[in-house]
Amino acid sequence: MSKFYISDLHLGHKNVIRHDGRPFADIAQMRKILVENWNNVVAGHDEVYILGDFAWKNAEGFEVLCELTGRKFLILGNHDKPTAEMKAYFEWIKDYAVIMDGEVQVVMSHYPIAHWYNQYRGAVHLYGHVHNNNDYLAFLQYACICKSRNIPFECYNVGCMLDYMGYTPRTLDEIRNQKKG
């Protein structure tokens, strides 16, 4: 069993294609690629942690949930308003969660957190929300300031649109290794 992470799929959100510069002709193509990429890496027994903004339109979100493999967990984002039908497809839905991924404690939130639980004890923070825009760049600058002051700061944006995510759920090791490259 593997654990995967992803954020900000924004299924059914036409304008996110333009906002993020996503390489899709339309939301139908975006949905097709997101589902294919997901199902190509996630097996039925794997866990996938969605760190918010899964679907812009609940009807599309529900249809896609029926197509996706793996056990799904949702960290609520600002656009998530899951229906009772959708909730049945998730193991749990939370605002924030801390899990173990092997020996690593993972702190998950839709939003980037400047200082998170057990940060000084090696916990890794995963987040989304800020896509690949100025908010993301500002948070990266803050991370650099913290690191320059010897403050532990291992965190990663798992927004699907980032190059190292490639519109595909990734394991923690993949995220850590690809981000360094």
N, C-alpha and C. Protein backbone atom coordinates (compact mmCIF):
# COMPACT_ATOMS: atom_id res chain seq x y z
N MET A 1 0.84 -1.18 0.00
CA MET A 1 0.00 0.00 0.00
C MET A 1 0.89 1.25 0.00
N SER A 2 0.57 2.16 -0.90
CA SER A 2 1.29 3.43 -0.98
C SER A 2 0.35 4.57 -0.62
N LYS A 3 0.97 5.68 -0.19
CA LYS A 3 0.21 6.90 0.08
C LYS A 3 0.58 7.94 -0.97
N PHE A 4 -0.44 8.58 -1.50
CA PHE A 4 -0.26 9.60 -2.54
C PHE A 4 -0.90 10.90 -2.07
N TYR A 5 -0.43 12.01 -2.67
CA TYR A 5 -0.92 13.34 -2.32
C TYR A 5 -1.13 14.16 -3.58
N ILE A 6 -2.16 15.03 -3.53
CA ILE A 6 -2.44 15.93 -4.65
C ILE A 6 -3.40 17.01 -4.16
N SER A 7 -3.41 18.14 -4.83
CA SER A 7 -4.30 19.23 -4.45
C SER A 7 -4.75 19.99 -5.69
N ASP A 8 -5.83 20.73 -5.52
CA ASP A 8 -6.28 21.73 -6.49
C ASP A 8 -6.57 21.16 -7.88
N LEU A 9 -7.28 20.04 -7.91
CA LEU A 9 -7.69 19.50 -9.21
C LEU A 9 -8.70 20.42 -9.90
N HIS A 10 -9.57 21.05 -9.13
CA HIS A 10 -10.56 22.00 -9.66
C HIS A 10 -11.37 21.41 -10.81
N LEU A 11 -11.84 20.19 -10.63
CA LEU A 11 -12.64 19.55 -11.67
C LEU A 11 -13.87 20.38 -11.98
N GLY A 12 -14.13 20.58 -13.27
CA GLY A 12 -15.27 21.36 -13.72
C GLY A 12 -15.06 22.87 -13.69
N HIS A 13 -13.86 23.32 -13.39
CA HIS A 13 -13.56 24.75 -13.29
C HIS A 13 -12.88 25.23 -14.57
N LYS A 14 -13.68 25.80 -15.45
CA LYS A 14 -13.18 26.24 -16.77
C LYS A 14 -12.07 27.29 -16.65
N ASN A 15 -12.26 28.29 -15.79
CA ASN A 15 -11.30 29.39 -15.72
C ASN A 15 -9.95 29.00 -15.12
N VAL A 16 -9.88 27.89 -14.38
CA VAL A 16 -8.60 27.50 -13.79
C VAL A 16 -7.59 27.11 -14.88
N ILE A 17 -8.08 26.68 -16.02
CA ILE A 17 -7.18 26.34 -17.14
C ILE A 17 -6.38 27.57 -17.54
N ARG A 18 -7.05 28.70 -17.66
CA ARG A 18 -6.38 29.95 -18.01
C ARG A 18 -5.56 30.48 -16.84
N HIS A 19 -6.14 30.49 -15.64
CA HIS A 19 -5.45 31.04 -14.46
C HIS A 19 -4.11 30.35 -14.19
N ASP A 20 -4.10 29.03 -14.32
CA ASP A 20 -2.88 28.26 -14.03
C ASP A 20 -2.02 28.01 -15.27
N GLY A 21 -2.52 28.36 -16.43
CA GLY A 21 -1.79 28.02 -17.65
C GLY A 21 -1.76 26.51 -17.87
N ARG A 22 -2.87 25.83 -17.52
CA ARG A 22 -2.93 24.38 -17.67
C ARG A 22 -2.99 24.02 -19.15
N PRO A 23 -2.32 22.94 -19.52
CA PRO A 23 -2.20 22.58 -20.95
C PRO A 23 -3.40 21.81 -21.51
N PHE A 24 -4.61 22.24 -21.18
CA PHE A 24 -5.80 21.52 -21.62
C PHE A 24 -6.65 22.43 -22.50
N ALA A 25 -7.28 21.85 -23.50
CA ALA A 25 -8.15 22.61 -24.40
C ALA A 25 -9.44 23.02 -23.70
N ASP A 26 -9.92 22.17 -22.78
CA ASP A 26 -11.18 22.43 -22.09
C ASP A 26 -11.26 21.56 -20.84
N ILE A 27 -12.37 21.71 -20.07
CA ILE A 27 -12.49 20.96 -18.82
C ILE A 27 -12.69 19.47 -19.07
N ALA A 28 -13.24 19.10 -20.22
CA ALA A 28 -13.40 17.67 -20.53
C ALA A 28 -12.03 17.01 -20.69
N GLN A 29 -11.13 17.68 -21.41
CA GLN A 29 -9.78 17.12 -21.58
C GLN A 29 -9.04 17.10 -20.24
N MET A 30 -9.21 18.16 -19.44
CA MET A 30 -8.55 18.21 -18.13
C MET A 30 -9.03 17.03 -17.28
N ARG A 31 -10.32 16.81 -17.25
CA ARG A 31 -10.88 15.69 -16.47
C ARG A 31 -10.30 14.36 -16.95
N LYS A 32 -10.29 14.16 -18.26
CA LYS A 32 -9.80 12.91 -18.85
C LYS A 32 -8.35 12.64 -18.42
N ILE A 33 -7.50 13.64 -18.53
CA ILE A 33 -6.08 13.48 -18.20
C ILE A 33 -5.90 13.27 -16.69
N LEU A 34 -6.61 14.04 -15.86
CA LEU A 34 -6.49 13.87 -14.42
C LEU A 34 -6.89 12.46 -13.99
N VAL A 35 -7.98 11.95 -14.55
CA VAL A 35 -8.44 10.60 -14.20
C VAL A 35 -7.44 9.55 -14.71
N GLU A 36 -6.98 9.69 -15.93
CA GLU A 36 -5.99 8.74 -16.48
C GLU A 36 -4.71 8.74 -15.64
N ASN A 37 -4.19 9.92 -15.35
CA ASN A 37 -2.95 10.01 -14.58
C ASN A 37 -3.12 9.37 -13.21
N TRP A 38 -4.24 9.66 -12.55
CA TRP A 38 -4.54 9.11 -11.23
C TRP A 38 -4.56 7.59 -11.30
N ASN A 39 -5.38 7.05 -12.19
CA ASN A 39 -5.57 5.60 -12.26
C ASN A 39 -4.35 4.85 -12.78
N ASN A 40 -3.42 5.56 -13.43
CA ASN A 40 -2.18 4.93 -13.88
C ASN A 40 -1.20 4.69 -12.74
N VAL A 41 -1.34 5.43 -11.63
CA VAL A 41 -0.38 5.27 -10.53
C VAL A 41 -1.01 4.74 -9.24
N VAL A 42 -2.31 4.91 -9.06
CA VAL A 42 -2.97 4.53 -7.81
C VAL A 42 -3.67 3.19 -7.97
N ALA A 43 -3.32 2.23 -7.11
CA ALA A 43 -3.99 0.93 -7.10
C ALA A 43 -5.16 0.98 -6.11
N GLY A 44 -6.01 -0.01 -6.16
CA GLY A 44 -7.22 -0.04 -5.35
C GLY A 44 -6.99 0.05 -3.86
N HIS A 45 -5.89 -0.49 -3.36
CA HIS A 45 -5.60 -0.49 -1.92
C HIS A 45 -4.79 0.74 -1.48
N ASP A 46 -4.33 1.57 -2.42
CA ASP A 46 -3.54 2.76 -2.08
C ASP A 46 -4.42 3.84 -1.46
N GLU A 47 -3.77 4.74 -0.72
CA GLU A 47 -4.45 5.87 -0.12
C GLU A 47 -4.06 7.14 -0.86
N VAL A 48 -5.07 7.98 -1.13
CA VAL A 48 -4.81 9.26 -1.80
C VAL A 48 -5.38 10.37 -0.92
N TYR A 49 -4.51 11.29 -0.54
CA TYR A 49 -4.89 12.44 0.27
C TYR A 49 -5.02 13.64 -0.67
N ILE A 50 -6.25 14.12 -0.79
CA ILE A 50 -6.56 15.27 -1.65
C ILE A 50 -6.57 16.49 -0.74
N LEU A 51 -5.65 17.40 -0.96
CA LEU A 51 -5.50 18.55 -0.06
C LEU A 51 -6.30 19.75 -0.56
N GLY A 52 -7.55 19.52 -0.85
CA GLY A 52 -8.48 20.59 -1.13
C GLY A 52 -8.70 20.94 -2.58
N ASP A 53 -9.81 21.63 -2.79
CA ASP A 53 -10.27 22.10 -4.10
C ASP A 53 -10.30 20.97 -5.13
N PHE A 54 -10.96 19.89 -4.71
CA PHE A 54 -11.12 18.73 -5.58
C PHE A 54 -12.00 19.06 -6.79
N ALA A 55 -13.18 19.61 -6.54
CA ALA A 55 -14.11 19.88 -7.63
C ALA A 55 -14.75 21.25 -7.50
N TRP A 56 -14.82 21.93 -8.59
CA TRP A 56 -15.50 23.22 -8.68
C TRP A 56 -17.00 23.00 -8.76
N LYS A 57 -17.37 21.95 -9.46
CA LYS A 57 -18.79 21.59 -9.63
C LYS A 57 -19.01 20.22 -9.00
N ASN A 58 -19.93 20.15 -8.04
CA ASN A 58 -20.17 18.90 -7.32
C ASN A 58 -20.61 17.76 -8.23
N ALA A 59 -21.41 18.05 -9.24
CA ALA A 59 -21.88 16.98 -10.15
C ALA A 59 -20.69 16.32 -10.82
N GLU A 60 -19.77 17.11 -11.31
CA GLU A 60 -18.57 16.55 -11.94
C GLU A 60 -17.69 15.84 -10.92
N GLY A 61 -17.57 16.43 -9.73
CA GLY A 61 -16.78 15.79 -8.68
C GLY A 61 -17.32 14.41 -8.34
N PHE A 62 -18.62 14.29 -8.24
CA PHE A 62 -19.23 13.00 -7.93
C PHE A 62 -18.96 11.99 -9.05
N GLU A 63 -19.13 12.40 -10.29
CA GLU A 63 -18.87 11.49 -11.42
C GLU A 63 -17.42 11.01 -11.42
N VAL A 64 -16.50 11.92 -11.16
CA VAL A 64 -15.08 11.56 -11.17
C VAL A 64 -14.74 10.65 -9.99
N LEU A 65 -15.30 10.90 -8.83
CA LEU A 65 -15.04 10.03 -7.67
C LEU A 65 -15.36 8.58 -8.00
N CYS A 66 -16.39 8.37 -8.78
CA CYS A 66 -16.79 7.01 -9.17
C CYS A 66 -15.74 6.35 -10.07
N GLU A 67 -14.92 7.16 -10.74
CA GLU A 67 -13.93 6.64 -11.69
C GLU A 67 -12.55 6.43 -11.08
N LEU A 68 -12.28 7.04 -9.94
CA LEU A 68 -10.92 7.04 -9.38
C LEU A 68 -10.66 5.83 -8.49
N THR A 69 -9.50 5.23 -8.66
CA THR A 69 -9.09 4.10 -7.84
C THR A 69 -8.52 4.59 -6.51
N GLY A 70 -8.41 3.67 -5.57
CA GLY A 70 -7.79 3.97 -4.28
C GLY A 70 -8.78 4.44 -3.24
N ARG A 71 -8.26 4.47 -2.01
CA ARG A 71 -9.02 4.98 -0.87
C ARG A 71 -8.75 6.48 -0.76
N LYS A 72 -9.79 7.29 -0.75
CA LYS A 72 -9.65 8.73 -0.84
C LYS A 72 -9.95 9.42 0.49
N PHE A 73 -9.11 10.42 0.81
CA PHE A 73 -9.23 11.23 2.01
C PHE A 73 -9.23 12.69 1.55
N LEU A 74 -10.10 13.51 2.11
CA LEU A 74 -10.20 14.89 1.66
C LEU A 74 -9.90 15.87 2.79
N ILE A 75 -8.94 16.74 2.54
CA ILE A 75 -8.71 17.92 3.36
C ILE A 75 -9.49 19.03 2.66
N LEU A 76 -10.42 19.63 3.37
CA LEU A 76 -11.29 20.62 2.74
C LEU A 76 -10.53 21.86 2.29
N GLY A 77 -10.82 22.28 1.07
CA GLY A 77 -10.31 23.53 0.54
C GLY A 77 -11.42 24.56 0.49
N ASN A 78 -11.10 25.75 0.10
CA ASN A 78 -12.08 26.82 0.08
C ASN A 78 -13.19 26.60 -0.95
N HIS A 79 -12.98 25.75 -1.94
CA HIS A 79 -14.01 25.49 -2.95
C HIS A 79 -14.74 24.16 -2.73
N ASP A 80 -14.36 23.41 -1.72
CA ASP A 80 -14.99 22.10 -1.49
C ASP A 80 -16.27 22.23 -0.69
N LYS A 81 -17.34 21.72 -1.27
CA LYS A 81 -18.64 21.66 -0.60
C LYS A 81 -19.27 20.32 -0.95
N PRO A 82 -18.65 19.23 -0.46
CA PRO A 82 -19.10 17.89 -0.87
C PRO A 82 -20.54 17.60 -0.44
N THR A 83 -21.27 16.98 -1.35
CA THR A 83 -22.63 16.53 -1.06
C THR A 83 -22.56 15.23 -0.27
N ALA A 84 -23.71 14.79 0.25
CA ALA A 84 -23.77 13.52 0.98
C ALA A 84 -23.34 12.38 0.06
N GLU A 85 -23.73 12.45 -1.21
CA GLU A 85 -23.31 11.43 -2.19
C GLU A 85 -21.79 11.37 -2.30
N MET A 86 -21.16 12.53 -2.39
CA MET A 86 -19.71 12.58 -2.53
C MET A 86 -19.01 12.10 -1.26
N LYS A 87 -19.55 12.48 -0.10
CA LYS A 87 -18.93 12.11 1.17
C LYS A 87 -18.78 10.60 1.31
N ALA A 88 -19.67 9.85 0.72
CA ALA A 88 -19.62 8.38 0.81
C ALA A 88 -18.37 7.80 0.14
N TYR A 89 -17.73 8.55 -0.74
CA TYR A 89 -16.53 8.07 -1.44
C TYR A 89 -15.24 8.37 -0.69
N PHE A 90 -15.32 9.10 0.40
CA PHE A 90 -14.13 9.45 1.17
C PHE A 90 -14.09 8.66 2.47
N GLU A 91 -12.89 8.23 2.85
CA GLU A 91 -12.69 7.56 4.13
C GLU A 91 -12.97 8.54 5.26
N TRP A 92 -12.50 9.78 5.08
CA TRP A 92 -12.82 10.87 5.99
C TRP A 92 -12.64 12.18 5.26
N ILE A 93 -13.24 13.24 5.85
CA ILE A 93 -13.11 14.60 5.35
C ILE A 93 -12.79 15.47 6.57
N LYS A 94 -11.68 16.21 6.48
CA LYS A 94 -11.22 17.04 7.60
C LYS A 94 -10.72 18.39 7.09
N ASP A 95 -10.59 19.33 8.02
CA ASP A 95 -10.00 20.63 7.68
C ASP A 95 -8.47 20.57 7.68
N TYR A 96 -7.93 19.63 8.46
CA TYR A 96 -6.49 19.57 8.73
C TYR A 96 -6.23 18.17 9.24
N ALA A 97 -5.08 17.60 8.92
CA ALA A 97 -4.78 16.26 9.44
C ALA A 97 -3.28 16.06 9.58
N VAL A 98 -2.93 15.19 10.52
CA VAL A 98 -1.55 14.76 10.72
C VAL A 98 -1.56 13.25 10.62
N ILE A 99 -0.73 12.70 9.72
CA ILE A 99 -0.65 11.26 9.54
C ILE A 99 0.82 10.84 9.55
N MET A 100 1.04 9.55 9.62
CA MET A 100 2.38 9.00 9.45
C MET A 100 2.47 8.40 8.05
N ASP A 101 3.54 8.71 7.36
CA ASP A 101 3.84 8.12 6.07
C ASP A 101 5.18 7.42 6.26
N GLY A 102 5.14 6.14 6.55
CA GLY A 102 6.35 5.44 6.96
C GLY A 102 6.81 6.01 8.29
N GLU A 103 8.03 6.50 8.33
CA GLU A 103 8.60 7.07 9.55
C GLU A 103 8.42 8.59 9.62
N VAL A 104 7.78 9.16 8.60
CA VAL A 104 7.67 10.62 8.51
C VAL A 104 6.28 11.09 8.92
N GLN A 105 6.25 12.07 9.80
CA GLN A 105 4.98 12.67 10.16
C GLN A 105 4.65 13.73 9.10
N VAL A 106 3.42 13.67 8.58
CA VAL A 106 2.99 14.59 7.52
C VAL A 106 1.83 15.43 8.04
N VAL A 107 2.00 16.74 7.97
CA VAL A 107 0.98 17.70 8.39
C VAL A 107 0.33 18.24 7.12
N MET A 108 -0.98 18.01 6.99
CA MET A 108 -1.68 18.37 5.75
C MET A 108 -2.73 19.44 6.01
N SER A 109 -2.71 20.44 5.15
CA SER A 109 -3.69 21.51 5.18
C SER A 109 -3.87 21.98 3.74
N HIS A 110 -5.04 22.50 3.43
CA HIS A 110 -5.19 23.08 2.10
C HIS A 110 -4.32 24.32 1.97
N TYR A 111 -4.14 25.02 3.07
CA TYR A 111 -3.42 26.29 3.06
C TYR A 111 -1.99 26.13 3.58
N PRO A 112 -1.04 26.88 3.02
CA PRO A 112 0.32 26.81 3.55
C PRO A 112 0.35 27.37 4.97
N ILE A 113 1.09 26.70 5.83
CA ILE A 113 1.21 27.09 7.23
C ILE A 113 2.66 27.52 7.47
N ALA A 114 2.82 28.68 8.06
CA ALA A 114 4.17 29.21 8.29
C ALA A 114 4.93 28.39 9.34
N HIS A 115 4.22 27.90 10.35
CA HIS A 115 4.86 27.08 11.39
C HIS A 115 3.87 26.02 11.81
N TRP A 116 4.21 24.77 11.59
CA TRP A 116 3.28 23.67 11.76
C TRP A 116 3.69 22.73 12.88
N TYR A 117 2.75 21.90 13.25
CA TYR A 117 2.93 20.91 14.32
C TYR A 117 4.16 20.05 14.07
N ASN A 118 5.01 19.93 15.08
CA ASN A 118 6.23 19.11 15.06
C ASN A 118 7.22 19.49 13.95
N GLN A 119 7.17 20.72 13.53
CA GLN A 119 8.10 21.23 12.52
C GLN A 119 9.55 21.02 12.96
N TYR A 120 9.82 21.24 14.24
CA TYR A 120 11.18 21.10 14.76
C TYR A 120 11.55 19.65 15.05
N ARG A 121 10.62 18.74 14.85
CA ARG A 121 10.89 17.31 15.06
C ARG A 121 10.82 16.53 13.75
N GLY A 122 10.95 17.22 12.63
CA GLY A 122 11.04 16.54 11.34
C GLY A 122 9.74 16.37 10.59
N ALA A 123 8.63 16.91 11.09
CA ALA A 123 7.36 16.79 10.36
C ALA A 123 7.43 17.58 9.05
N VAL A 124 6.87 17.00 8.02
CA VAL A 124 6.80 17.61 6.69
C VAL A 124 5.41 18.18 6.50
N HIS A 125 5.33 19.37 5.97
CA HIS A 125 4.04 20.02 5.71
C HIS A 125 3.72 19.96 4.22
N LEU A 126 2.53 19.46 3.89
CA LEU A 126 2.03 19.45 2.51
C LEU A 126 0.80 20.36 2.45
N TYR A 127 0.69 21.11 1.37
CA TYR A 127 -0.38 22.08 1.23
C TYR A 127 -0.71 22.30 -0.25
N GLY A 128 -1.71 23.11 -0.49
CA GLY A 128 -2.10 23.51 -1.85
C GLY A 128 -2.49 24.98 -1.82
N HIS A 129 -3.62 25.28 -2.42
CA HIS A 129 -4.29 26.57 -2.41
C HIS A 129 -3.60 27.67 -3.21
N VAL A 130 -2.30 27.84 -3.08
CA VAL A 130 -1.62 28.99 -3.68
C VAL A 130 -1.20 28.75 -5.13
N HIS A 131 -1.56 27.59 -5.68
CA HIS A 131 -1.29 27.25 -7.08
C HIS A 131 0.16 27.55 -7.42
N ASN A 132 0.40 28.25 -8.52
CA ASN A 132 1.76 28.61 -8.92
C ASN A 132 1.81 30.12 -9.16
N ASN A 133 1.22 30.89 -8.24
CA ASN A 133 1.09 32.33 -8.43
C ASN A 133 1.95 33.11 -7.43
N ASN A 134 1.67 34.41 -7.31
CA ASN A 134 2.45 35.27 -6.43
C ASN A 134 2.39 34.86 -4.96
N ASP A 135 1.24 34.32 -4.53
CA ASP A 135 1.14 33.85 -3.15
C ASP A 135 2.14 32.71 -2.90
N TYR A 136 2.26 31.82 -3.88
CA TYR A 136 3.21 30.71 -3.77
C TYR A 136 4.64 31.25 -3.71
N LEU A 137 4.96 32.20 -4.58
CA LEU A 137 6.31 32.77 -4.59
C LEU A 137 6.62 33.46 -3.26
N ALA A 138 5.64 34.14 -2.69
CA ALA A 138 5.86 34.80 -1.39
C ALA A 138 6.12 33.76 -0.30
N PHE A 139 5.38 32.65 -0.33
CA PHE A 139 5.60 31.61 0.67
C PHE A 139 6.98 30.97 0.49
N LEU A 140 7.42 30.79 -0.75
CA LEU A 140 8.76 30.25 -1.00
C LEU A 140 9.83 31.20 -0.47
N GLN A 141 9.61 32.50 -0.61
CA GLN A 141 10.56 33.48 -0.06
C GLN A 141 10.61 33.38 1.46
N TYR A 142 9.45 33.24 2.07
CA TYR A 142 9.40 33.08 3.53
C TYR A 142 10.16 31.81 3.95
N ALA A 143 9.97 30.73 3.19
CA ALA A 143 10.67 29.48 3.48
C ALA A 143 12.19 29.69 3.43
N CYS A 144 12.65 30.43 2.44
CA CYS A 144 14.10 30.70 2.31
C CYS A 144 14.61 31.50 3.50
N ILE A 145 13.82 32.48 3.95
CA ILE A 145 14.21 33.27 5.12
C ILE A 145 14.33 32.35 6.34
N CYS A 146 13.34 31.50 6.53
CA CYS A 146 13.38 30.59 7.68
C CYS A 146 14.58 29.66 7.62
N LYS A 147 14.82 29.09 6.46
CA LYS A 147 15.96 28.18 6.30
C LYS A 147 17.28 28.90 6.56
N SER A 148 17.38 30.16 6.13
CA SER A 148 18.61 30.92 6.35
C SER A 148 18.85 31.21 7.84
N ARG A 149 17.78 31.10 8.63
CA ARG A 149 17.87 31.31 10.07
C ARG A 149 17.85 29.99 10.84
N ASN A 150 18.13 28.90 10.11
CA ASN A 150 18.19 27.55 10.67
C ASN A 150 16.87 27.09 11.30
N ILE A 151 15.78 27.54 10.74
CA ILE A 151 14.45 27.06 11.15
C ILE A 151 14.09 25.92 10.21
N PRO A 152 13.82 24.73 10.74
CA PRO A 152 13.45 23.62 9.85
C PRO A 152 12.21 23.99 9.05
N PHE A 153 12.25 23.77 7.76
CA PHE A 153 11.15 24.23 6.91
C PHE A 153 11.00 23.31 5.70
N GLU A 154 10.62 22.05 5.97
CA GLU A 154 10.41 21.13 4.85
C GLU A 154 8.91 21.07 4.55
N CYS A 155 8.53 21.73 3.49
CA CYS A 155 7.13 21.75 3.09
C CYS A 155 7.05 21.78 1.57
N TYR A 156 5.92 21.29 1.06
CA TYR A 156 5.76 21.17 -0.39
C TYR A 156 4.33 21.50 -0.79
N ASN A 157 4.23 22.27 -1.85
CA ASN A 157 2.95 22.54 -2.49
C ASN A 157 2.65 21.34 -3.37
N VAL A 158 1.52 20.68 -3.16
CA VAL A 158 1.16 19.51 -3.95
C VAL A 158 0.06 19.82 -4.96
N GLY A 159 -0.02 21.09 -5.34
CA GLY A 159 -0.97 21.49 -6.39
C GLY A 159 -0.67 20.73 -7.66
N CYS A 160 -1.70 20.16 -8.25
CA CYS A 160 -1.51 19.29 -9.42
C CYS A 160 -0.81 19.99 -10.58
N MET A 161 -0.93 21.33 -10.67
CA MET A 161 -0.40 22.07 -11.81
C MET A 161 1.10 22.32 -11.74
N LEU A 162 1.72 22.02 -10.62
CA LEU A 162 3.16 22.26 -10.50
C LEU A 162 3.93 21.22 -11.30
N ASP A 163 5.05 21.63 -11.86
CA ASP A 163 5.82 20.74 -12.75
C ASP A 163 6.11 19.39 -12.11
N TYR A 164 6.53 19.39 -10.84
CA TYR A 164 6.90 18.13 -10.20
C TYR A 164 5.70 17.26 -9.83
N MET A 165 4.50 17.83 -9.92
CA MET A 165 3.29 17.04 -9.68
C MET A 165 2.74 16.48 -11.00
N GLY A 166 2.80 17.25 -12.07
CA GLY A 166 2.42 16.76 -13.39
C GLY A 166 0.98 16.25 -13.47
N TYR A 167 0.06 16.88 -12.75
CA TYR A 167 -1.36 16.49 -12.78
C TYR A 167 -1.57 15.03 -12.37
N THR A 168 -0.71 14.57 -11.44
CA THR A 168 -0.69 13.17 -11.02
C THR A 168 -0.49 13.09 -9.51
N PRO A 169 -1.24 12.25 -8.82
CA PRO A 169 -0.93 12.04 -7.40
C PRO A 169 0.50 11.50 -7.25
N ARG A 170 1.21 11.99 -6.25
CA ARG A 170 2.61 11.59 -6.03
C ARG A 170 2.79 11.10 -4.60
N THR A 171 3.76 10.19 -4.43
CA THR A 171 4.13 9.75 -3.09
C THR A 171 5.01 10.83 -2.45
N LEU A 172 5.17 10.74 -1.13
CA LEU A 172 6.01 11.70 -0.44
C LEU A 172 7.44 11.64 -0.97
N ASP A 173 7.96 10.44 -1.20
CA ASP A 173 9.32 10.32 -1.74
C ASP A 173 9.43 10.97 -3.11
N GLU A 174 8.44 10.75 -3.96
CA GLU A 174 8.46 11.38 -5.29
C GLU A 174 8.45 12.90 -5.17
N ILE A 175 7.61 13.41 -4.30
CA ILE A 175 7.52 14.86 -4.12
C ILE A 175 8.85 15.40 -3.63
N ARG A 176 9.42 14.77 -2.63
CA ARG A 176 10.70 15.24 -2.08
C ARG A 176 11.80 15.17 -3.13
N ASN A 177 11.88 14.09 -3.88
CA ASN A 177 12.95 13.91 -4.86
C ASN A 177 12.76 14.77 -6.10
N GLN A 178 11.54 14.89 -6.61
CA GLN A 178 11.30 15.69 -7.80
C GLN A 178 11.45 17.17 -7.53
N LYS A 179 11.05 17.61 -6.35
CA LYS A 179 11.15 19.03 -6.01
C LYS A 179 12.60 19.47 -5.95
N LYS A 180 13.49 18.55 -5.55
CA LYS A 180 14.92 18.89 -5.46
C LYS A 180 15.54 19.00 -6.85
N GLY A 181 14.94 18.28 -7.81
CA GLY A 181 15.51 18.27 -9.15
C GLY A 181 15.17 19.46 -9.98
